[in-house]
Amino acid sequence: MTLRIPLSLWIAATLVFAAIPSFAQSLPYAWPQTVGTTSLQVLPSNSARKQIVFHNPSTTATVWICPTVSRKDGTPIVCAANGAGALTLVPGQTWVIGGYGSNAIVPTPWNAIASAPGSPFTILEFE
């Protein structure tokens, strides 16, 4: 089951964590990215990851995300606009991916591509 939490709540939680000085980052782990028109890895593999929040803060650019490897045949997936295996995030959209079952993990690395160069992209990771 995927939990949908309003973006305003995510932003408030992030600001609270950002206000606490620390040498190590607290949950959620933030992966702020800039995505361009070439597919690139935006999130590495993490065997402890339980949930991922992808958010496209752009007001104009669309961002596509996809796992890096196909389960079908094990080949790498190059993320492409409207390509096979890609999930579309229109401007302002948030996508939450959570693990299922007793071993609820989402360890897969992820790629992204945008419709415009220099597009902002936010990823929050929960362990």
N, C-alpha and C. Protein backbone atom coordinates (compact mmCIF):
# COMPACT_ATOMS: atom_id res chain seq x y z
N MET A 1 0.83 -1.17 0.00
CA MET A 1 0.00 0.00 0.00
C MET A 1 0.88 1.24 0.00
N THR A 2 0.59 2.18 -0.84
CA THR A 2 1.35 3.41 -0.93
C THR A 2 0.65 4.51 -0.15
N LEU A 3 1.39 5.18 0.70
CA LEU A 3 0.86 6.26 1.50
C LEU A 3 1.08 7.57 0.78
N ARG A 4 0.04 8.34 0.60
CA ARG A 4 0.15 9.66 -0.05
C ARG A 4 0.05 10.73 1.03
N ILE A 5 1.08 11.53 1.15
CA ILE A 5 1.13 12.60 2.13
C ILE A 5 1.26 13.91 1.37
N PRO A 6 0.49 14.94 1.77
CA PRO A 6 0.54 16.22 1.06
C PRO A 6 1.96 16.79 1.01
N LEU A 7 2.29 17.41 -0.12
CA LEU A 7 3.61 17.98 -0.31
C LEU A 7 3.92 19.01 0.77
N SER A 8 2.93 19.79 1.20
CA SER A 8 3.17 20.81 2.22
C SER A 8 3.68 20.18 3.52
N LEU A 9 3.19 18.98 3.84
CA LEU A 9 3.66 18.28 5.03
C LEU A 9 5.10 17.83 4.86
N TRP A 10 5.46 17.34 3.66
CA TRP A 10 6.85 16.93 3.38
C TRP A 10 7.78 18.14 3.51
N ILE A 11 7.36 19.27 2.96
CA ILE A 11 8.19 20.48 3.01
C ILE A 11 8.38 20.93 4.46
N ALA A 12 7.28 20.93 5.24
CA ALA A 12 7.38 21.33 6.64
C ALA A 12 8.33 20.42 7.41
N ALA A 13 8.21 19.10 7.18
CA ALA A 13 9.09 18.15 7.87
C ALA A 13 10.54 18.36 7.47
N THR A 14 10.77 18.63 6.19
CA THR A 14 12.13 18.86 5.70
C THR A 14 12.72 20.12 6.33
N LEU A 15 11.92 21.18 6.45
CA LEU A 15 12.41 22.41 7.06
C LEU A 15 12.73 22.21 8.54
N VAL A 16 11.94 21.42 9.24
CA VAL A 16 12.23 21.13 10.64
C VAL A 16 13.56 20.41 10.76
N PHE A 17 13.78 19.39 9.91
CA PHE A 17 15.04 18.65 9.96
C PHE A 17 16.22 19.53 9.54
N ALA A 18 16.01 20.43 8.60
CA ALA A 18 17.08 21.29 8.12
C ALA A 18 17.50 22.29 9.19
N ALA A 19 16.60 22.65 10.11
CA ALA A 19 16.90 23.63 11.15
C ALA A 19 17.75 23.05 12.27
N ILE A 20 17.87 21.72 12.34
CA ILE A 20 18.64 21.07 13.39
C ILE A 20 20.07 20.85 12.89
N PRO A 21 21.06 21.51 13.51
CA PRO A 21 22.42 21.30 13.05
C PRO A 21 22.87 19.87 13.34
N SER A 22 23.52 19.27 12.35
CA SER A 22 23.96 17.89 12.52
C SER A 22 25.05 17.59 11.51
N PHE A 23 25.94 16.67 11.88
CA PHE A 23 26.97 16.25 10.95
C PHE A 23 26.45 15.14 10.03
N ALA A 24 25.42 14.43 10.47
CA ALA A 24 24.81 13.38 9.66
C ALA A 24 23.37 13.77 9.36
N GLN A 25 22.93 13.48 8.18
CA GLN A 25 21.57 13.82 7.79
C GLN A 25 20.56 12.92 8.49
N SER A 26 19.44 13.50 8.90
CA SER A 26 18.35 12.75 9.53
C SER A 26 17.33 12.38 8.47
N LEU A 27 16.47 11.41 8.80
CA LEU A 27 15.40 11.04 7.89
C LEU A 27 14.42 12.19 7.72
N PRO A 28 13.90 12.42 6.56
CA PRO A 28 14.20 11.69 5.33
C PRO A 28 15.53 12.14 4.76
N TYR A 29 16.18 11.23 4.04
CA TYR A 29 17.42 11.59 3.36
C TYR A 29 17.05 12.29 2.05
N ALA A 30 17.57 13.47 1.85
CA ALA A 30 17.23 14.26 0.68
C ALA A 30 18.27 14.08 -0.41
N TRP A 31 17.78 13.96 -1.64
CA TRP A 31 18.63 13.85 -2.82
C TRP A 31 18.20 14.93 -3.81
N PRO A 32 18.52 16.21 -3.56
CA PRO A 32 18.15 17.24 -4.53
C PRO A 32 18.97 17.05 -5.80
N GLN A 33 18.31 17.12 -6.93
CA GLN A 33 18.96 16.85 -8.21
C GLN A 33 18.64 17.94 -9.21
N THR A 34 19.46 18.02 -10.24
CA THR A 34 19.16 18.80 -11.43
C THR A 34 19.20 17.80 -12.57
N VAL A 35 18.08 17.69 -13.28
CA VAL A 35 17.94 16.70 -14.34
C VAL A 35 17.93 17.41 -15.69
N GLY A 36 18.57 16.79 -16.66
CA GLY A 36 18.62 17.37 -18.00
C GLY A 36 17.95 16.47 -19.02
N THR A 37 18.28 16.70 -20.26
CA THR A 37 17.66 15.98 -21.37
C THR A 37 18.39 14.69 -21.74
N THR A 38 19.33 14.28 -20.90
CA THR A 38 20.03 13.01 -21.06
C THR A 38 19.77 12.16 -19.83
N SER A 39 19.46 10.89 -20.02
CA SER A 39 19.19 9.98 -18.91
C SER A 39 20.41 9.85 -18.01
N LEU A 40 20.19 9.95 -16.69
CA LEU A 40 21.27 9.77 -15.74
C LEU A 40 20.72 9.16 -14.46
N GLN A 41 21.60 8.51 -13.71
CA GLN A 41 21.19 7.92 -12.44
C GLN A 41 21.03 9.04 -11.41
N VAL A 42 19.86 9.10 -10.76
CA VAL A 42 19.59 10.13 -9.77
C VAL A 42 19.51 9.58 -8.35
N LEU A 43 19.43 8.25 -8.21
CA LEU A 43 19.35 7.63 -6.90
C LEU A 43 20.07 6.29 -6.95
N PRO A 44 21.09 6.11 -6.08
CA PRO A 44 21.82 4.84 -6.09
C PRO A 44 21.03 3.73 -5.39
N SER A 45 21.52 2.52 -5.52
CA SER A 45 20.93 1.37 -4.84
C SER A 45 21.08 1.54 -3.33
N ASN A 46 20.07 1.06 -2.58
CA ASN A 46 20.14 1.11 -1.12
C ASN A 46 19.28 -0.04 -0.58
N SER A 47 19.92 -1.05 -0.03
CA SER A 47 19.20 -2.23 0.45
C SER A 47 18.41 -1.97 1.73
N ALA A 48 18.57 -0.81 2.35
CA ALA A 48 17.81 -0.46 3.56
C ALA A 48 16.62 0.45 3.26
N ARG A 49 16.47 0.88 2.02
CA ARG A 49 15.42 1.84 1.66
C ARG A 49 14.03 1.21 1.77
N LYS A 50 13.11 1.91 2.45
CA LYS A 50 11.73 1.45 2.62
C LYS A 50 10.74 2.23 1.76
N GLN A 51 11.07 3.47 1.44
CA GLN A 51 10.15 4.31 0.67
C GLN A 51 10.93 5.40 -0.04
N ILE A 52 10.41 5.80 -1.21
CA ILE A 52 10.99 6.90 -1.99
C ILE A 52 9.88 7.87 -2.34
N VAL A 53 10.17 9.16 -2.21
CA VAL A 53 9.25 10.20 -2.67
C VAL A 53 9.97 10.95 -3.78
N PHE A 54 9.40 10.92 -4.98
CA PHE A 54 9.91 11.69 -6.11
C PHE A 54 9.00 12.90 -6.28
N HIS A 55 9.58 14.09 -6.44
CA HIS A 55 8.77 15.30 -6.65
C HIS A 55 9.40 16.15 -7.75
N ASN A 56 8.55 16.60 -8.66
CA ASN A 56 8.98 17.49 -9.73
C ASN A 56 8.54 18.91 -9.38
N PRO A 57 9.45 19.74 -8.83
CA PRO A 57 9.07 21.10 -8.43
C PRO A 57 9.03 22.09 -9.59
N SER A 58 9.40 21.66 -10.77
CA SER A 58 9.41 22.56 -11.92
C SER A 58 8.00 23.04 -12.25
N THR A 59 7.91 24.25 -12.76
CA THR A 59 6.60 24.77 -13.19
C THR A 59 6.39 24.56 -14.69
N THR A 60 7.42 24.08 -15.38
CA THR A 60 7.30 23.92 -16.83
C THR A 60 7.78 22.58 -17.37
N ALA A 61 8.79 21.98 -16.75
CA ALA A 61 9.40 20.76 -17.30
C ALA A 61 8.72 19.50 -16.78
N THR A 62 8.63 18.50 -17.62
CA THR A 62 8.17 17.17 -17.24
C THR A 62 9.41 16.32 -16.97
N VAL A 63 9.34 15.45 -15.97
CA VAL A 63 10.45 14.56 -15.63
C VAL A 63 9.94 13.12 -15.72
N TRP A 64 10.76 12.25 -16.29
CA TRP A 64 10.45 10.82 -16.36
C TRP A 64 11.46 10.08 -15.50
N ILE A 65 10.98 9.11 -14.71
CA ILE A 65 11.85 8.31 -13.86
C ILE A 65 11.65 6.84 -14.20
N CYS A 66 12.70 6.04 -14.00
CA CYS A 66 12.59 4.60 -14.23
C CYS A 66 13.70 3.89 -13.46
N PRO A 67 13.45 2.64 -13.08
CA PRO A 67 14.53 1.86 -12.47
C PRO A 67 15.64 1.65 -13.49
N THR A 68 16.81 1.30 -13.03
CA THR A 68 17.96 1.21 -13.94
C THR A 68 18.07 -0.10 -14.70
N VAL A 69 17.36 -1.15 -14.23
CA VAL A 69 17.49 -2.47 -14.86
C VAL A 69 16.11 -3.08 -15.08
N SER A 70 15.93 -3.74 -16.22
CA SER A 70 14.68 -4.41 -16.55
C SER A 70 14.61 -5.76 -15.84
N ARG A 71 13.51 -6.02 -15.17
CA ARG A 71 13.32 -7.34 -14.54
C ARG A 71 13.07 -8.39 -15.62
N LYS A 72 12.53 -7.97 -16.73
CA LYS A 72 12.18 -8.88 -17.82
C LYS A 72 13.40 -9.65 -18.32
N ASP A 73 14.49 -8.94 -18.57
CA ASP A 73 15.66 -9.61 -19.13
C ASP A 73 17.00 -9.14 -18.55
N GLY A 74 16.96 -8.28 -17.51
CA GLY A 74 18.18 -7.84 -16.85
C GLY A 74 18.98 -6.79 -17.59
N THR A 75 18.45 -6.28 -18.69
CA THR A 75 19.19 -5.26 -19.44
C THR A 75 19.01 -3.89 -18.80
N PRO A 76 19.98 -3.00 -18.98
CA PRO A 76 19.85 -1.64 -18.44
C PRO A 76 18.69 -0.89 -19.10
N ILE A 77 18.03 -0.04 -18.32
CA ILE A 77 16.97 0.81 -18.86
C ILE A 77 17.52 2.22 -18.98
N VAL A 78 17.51 2.74 -20.18
CA VAL A 78 17.88 4.13 -20.40
C VAL A 78 16.57 4.90 -20.39
N CYS A 79 16.42 5.77 -19.42
CA CYS A 79 15.17 6.50 -19.26
C CYS A 79 14.96 7.41 -20.48
N ALA A 80 13.75 7.37 -21.03
CA ALA A 80 13.42 8.18 -22.20
C ALA A 80 12.05 8.82 -21.99
N ALA A 81 11.86 10.00 -22.56
CA ALA A 81 10.57 10.68 -22.49
C ALA A 81 9.50 9.77 -23.06
N ASN A 82 8.50 9.44 -22.25
CA ASN A 82 7.42 8.54 -22.64
C ASN A 82 7.91 7.17 -23.06
N GLY A 83 9.09 6.77 -22.58
CA GLY A 83 9.67 5.48 -22.95
C GLY A 83 9.15 4.34 -22.11
N ALA A 84 9.39 3.13 -22.58
CA ALA A 84 8.99 1.93 -21.86
C ALA A 84 9.68 1.88 -20.50
N GLY A 85 8.92 1.62 -19.46
CA GLY A 85 9.47 1.55 -18.11
C GLY A 85 9.53 2.87 -17.38
N ALA A 86 9.21 3.97 -18.05
CA ALA A 86 9.31 5.30 -17.44
C ALA A 86 7.98 5.74 -16.83
N LEU A 87 8.06 6.37 -15.67
CA LEU A 87 6.91 6.99 -15.02
C LEU A 87 7.00 8.49 -15.25
N THR A 88 5.89 9.11 -15.61
CA THR A 88 5.86 10.53 -15.95
C THR A 88 5.46 11.37 -14.74
N LEU A 89 6.25 12.40 -14.44
CA LEU A 89 5.91 13.37 -13.42
C LEU A 89 5.78 14.74 -14.08
N VAL A 90 4.56 15.21 -14.20
CA VAL A 90 4.31 16.53 -14.79
C VAL A 90 4.69 17.59 -13.76
N PRO A 91 4.81 18.86 -14.16
CA PRO A 91 5.18 19.92 -13.21
C PRO A 91 4.31 19.89 -11.95
N GLY A 92 4.98 19.90 -10.80
CA GLY A 92 4.31 19.92 -9.51
C GLY A 92 3.86 18.57 -8.99
N GLN A 93 4.06 17.50 -9.74
CA GLN A 93 3.57 16.18 -9.34
C GLN A 93 4.55 15.47 -8.41
N THR A 94 3.98 14.67 -7.49
CA THR A 94 4.75 13.86 -6.55
C THR A 94 4.37 12.39 -6.74
N TRP A 95 5.35 11.51 -6.69
CA TRP A 95 5.12 10.08 -6.82
C TRP A 95 5.78 9.41 -5.63
N VAL A 96 5.03 8.58 -4.89
CA VAL A 96 5.54 7.88 -3.72
C VAL A 96 5.61 6.39 -4.03
N ILE A 97 6.76 5.79 -3.78
CA ILE A 97 6.94 4.35 -4.00
C ILE A 97 7.37 3.74 -2.68
N GLY A 98 6.61 2.76 -2.21
CA GLY A 98 6.93 2.10 -0.95
C GLY A 98 7.05 0.61 -1.13
N GLY A 99 7.78 -0.03 -0.23
CA GLY A 99 7.92 -1.48 -0.27
C GLY A 99 6.65 -2.16 0.22
N TYR A 100 6.50 -3.43 -0.10
CA TYR A 100 5.31 -4.19 0.27
C TYR A 100 5.70 -5.44 1.04
N GLY A 101 4.79 -5.91 1.88
CA GLY A 101 5.00 -7.16 2.60
C GLY A 101 5.88 -7.01 3.82
N SER A 102 6.28 -8.15 4.37
CA SER A 102 7.06 -8.14 5.61
C SER A 102 8.49 -7.64 5.40
N ASN A 103 9.01 -7.75 4.19
CA ASN A 103 10.34 -7.25 3.88
C ASN A 103 10.19 -6.06 2.93
N ALA A 104 9.59 -4.99 3.44
CA ALA A 104 9.22 -3.83 2.62
C ALA A 104 10.43 -2.97 2.28
N ILE A 105 11.11 -3.33 1.20
CA ILE A 105 12.26 -2.54 0.77
C ILE A 105 12.10 -2.14 -0.69
N VAL A 106 12.77 -1.04 -1.06
CA VAL A 106 12.78 -0.54 -2.43
C VAL A 106 14.26 -0.25 -2.76
N PRO A 107 15.06 -1.30 -3.00
CA PRO A 107 16.51 -1.11 -3.12
C PRO A 107 17.01 -0.60 -4.47
N THR A 108 16.17 -0.59 -5.46
CA THR A 108 16.56 -0.31 -6.84
C THR A 108 17.13 1.08 -7.05
N PRO A 109 18.22 1.21 -7.83
CA PRO A 109 18.66 2.54 -8.26
C PRO A 109 17.70 3.07 -9.33
N TRP A 110 17.64 4.40 -9.48
CA TRP A 110 16.70 5.03 -10.41
C TRP A 110 17.40 6.01 -11.34
N ASN A 111 16.89 6.08 -12.57
CA ASN A 111 17.34 7.03 -13.58
C ASN A 111 16.26 8.08 -13.79
N ALA A 112 16.64 9.22 -14.36
CA ALA A 112 15.67 10.25 -14.69
C ALA A 112 16.13 11.02 -15.93
N ILE A 113 15.15 11.65 -16.57
CA ILE A 113 15.39 12.52 -17.71
C ILE A 113 14.29 13.59 -17.68
N ALA A 114 14.59 14.76 -18.19
CA ALA A 114 13.61 15.86 -18.18
C ALA A 114 13.38 16.39 -19.59
N SER A 115 12.30 17.13 -19.73
CA SER A 115 11.98 17.73 -21.03
C SER A 115 12.77 19.01 -21.28
N ALA A 116 13.45 19.52 -20.25
CA ALA A 116 14.25 20.75 -20.39
C ALA A 116 15.54 20.60 -19.60
N PRO A 117 16.63 21.18 -20.08
CA PRO A 117 17.89 21.10 -19.33
C PRO A 117 17.80 21.87 -18.02
N GLY A 118 18.54 21.42 -17.03
CA GLY A 118 18.62 22.13 -15.75
C GLY A 118 17.32 22.12 -14.94
N SER A 119 16.53 21.06 -15.08
CA SER A 119 15.25 20.98 -14.36
C SER A 119 15.47 20.51 -12.92
N PRO A 120 14.88 21.20 -11.93
CA PRO A 120 15.02 20.76 -10.55
C PRO A 120 14.23 19.48 -10.32
N PHE A 121 14.74 18.64 -9.41
CA PHE A 121 14.07 17.38 -9.12
C PHE A 121 14.41 17.01 -7.68
N THR A 122 13.41 16.65 -6.89
CA THR A 122 13.59 16.35 -5.48
C THR A 122 13.29 14.87 -5.21
N ILE A 123 14.18 14.24 -4.43
CA ILE A 123 13.97 12.86 -4.02
C ILE A 123 14.17 12.80 -2.51
N LEU A 124 13.21 12.18 -1.82
CA LEU A 124 13.33 11.92 -0.40
C LEU A 124 13.34 10.41 -0.20
N GLU A 125 14.28 9.94 0.61
CA GLU A 125 14.47 8.51 0.82
C GLU A 125 14.28 8.19 2.29
N PHE A 126 13.54 7.11 2.57
CA PHE A 126 13.28 6.68 3.94
C PHE A 126 13.83 5.27 4.13
N GLU A 127 14.51 5.05 5.25
CA GLU A 127 15.04 3.72 5.58
C GLU A 127 14.27 3.14 6.74
